[in-house]
Amino acid sequence: MLFEEPDTFEIEVEGCKMMVKEHEMGATTVFHIVFSDDRNPLVVTKAKTVSGQMWMSIPQGRQEEAMQVGEKIAEYFKRR
């Protein structure tokens, strides 16, 4: 199956709560983020670059948010 049932959890960045849904797309894990402050949703994934792995927004253009949210996602999984 291309899309599996997503796992959903909540994180908070700078006082803004976010609902995060984890999706598997083939061999790639992506996270769909819905913000409580009504800004547009964001999709992020961890990507390999020449300088190592980093969080990226899909599509590109919201890199700063992707890095902040990605770090909170990583913290969430470390606590599980």
Protein backbone atom coordinates (compact mmCIF):
# COMPACT_ATOMS: atom_id res chain seq x y z
CA MET A 1 0.00 0.00 0.00
CA LEU A 2 1.42 3.42 -0.95
CA PHE A 3 -0.14 5.26 1.99
CA GLU A 4 -0.49 3.63 5.38
CA GLU A 5 -2.71 4.80 8.24
CA PRO A 6 -0.86 7.78 9.77
CA ASP A 7 0.35 8.03 13.37
CA THR A 8 -0.72 11.32 14.97
CA PHE A 9 0.88 13.18 17.87
CA GLU A 10 1.17 16.73 19.21
CA ILE A 11 4.25 18.92 19.66
CA GLU A 12 4.76 22.54 20.68
CA VAL A 13 7.24 25.10 19.33
CA GLU A 14 7.48 28.57 20.85
CA GLY A 15 4.03 28.30 22.41
CA CYS A 16 2.31 27.10 19.22
CA LYS A 17 0.74 23.64 19.37
CA MET A 18 0.96 21.46 16.28
CA MET A 19 -0.70 18.22 15.26
CA VAL A 20 1.76 15.98 13.44
CA LYS A 21 0.77 13.05 11.22
CA GLU A 22 3.45 10.59 10.18
CA HIS A 23 3.12 9.06 6.71
CA GLU A 24 5.18 6.48 4.85
CA MET A 25 5.53 7.17 1.14
CA GLY A 26 7.43 4.26 -0.33
CA ALA A 27 10.75 4.23 1.55
CA THR A 28 10.39 7.85 2.75
CA THR A 29 8.82 9.06 5.98
CA VAL A 30 7.15 12.46 5.83
CA PHE A 31 5.36 14.46 8.51
CA HIS A 32 2.30 16.64 7.87
CA ILE A 33 2.05 19.46 10.42
CA VAL A 34 -1.12 21.45 11.19
CA PHE A 35 -0.48 24.59 13.27
CA SER A 36 -2.87 25.87 15.96
CA ASP A 37 -2.22 29.48 14.89
CA ASP A 38 -3.88 28.97 11.47
CA ARG A 39 -0.72 29.30 9.35
CA ASN A 40 -0.57 27.03 6.31
CA PRO A 41 0.19 23.34 7.01
CA LEU A 42 3.74 22.15 6.49
CA VAL A 43 5.21 18.86 5.27
CA VAL A 44 8.74 17.93 6.36
CA THR A 45 11.12 15.03 5.91
CA LYS A 46 14.67 14.22 6.92
CA ALA A 47 16.93 14.43 3.87
CA LYS A 48 20.54 13.48 3.20
CA THR A 49 22.75 16.36 2.08
CA VAL A 50 26.48 16.70 1.47
CA SER A 51 26.84 18.09 5.00
CA GLY A 52 24.76 15.32 6.63
CA GLN A 53 21.07 14.81 7.34
CA MET A 54 18.75 17.74 7.89
CA TRP A 55 15.04 18.50 8.05
CA MET A 56 13.58 19.83 4.79
CA SER A 57 10.21 21.33 3.89
CA ILE A 58 8.21 19.92 0.99
CA PRO A 59 8.08 21.87 -1.21
CA GLN A 60 11.17 23.87 -0.34
CA GLY A 61 10.74 27.41 0.92
CA ARG A 62 9.93 27.01 4.62
CA GLN A 63 13.32 25.72 5.69
CA GLU A 64 13.55 27.56 9.01
CA GLU A 65 10.17 26.20 10.14
CA ALA A 66 11.11 22.71 8.92
CA MET A 67 14.26 22.70 11.02
CA GLN A 68 12.45 23.93 14.18
CA VAL A 69 9.58 21.49 13.80
CA GLY A 70 11.89 18.65 12.78
CA GLU A 71 13.93 19.00 15.96
CA LYS A 72 10.75 18.77 18.06
CA ILE A 73 9.68 15.68 16.09
CA ALA A 74 13.07 14.08 16.80
CA GLU A 75 12.71 14.92 20.52
CA TYR A 76 9.24 13.34 20.53
CA PHE A 77 10.62 10.05 19.16
CA LYS A 78 13.55 10.05 21.61
CA ARG A 79 11.07 10.26 24.53
CA ARG A 80 8.89 7.39 23.26
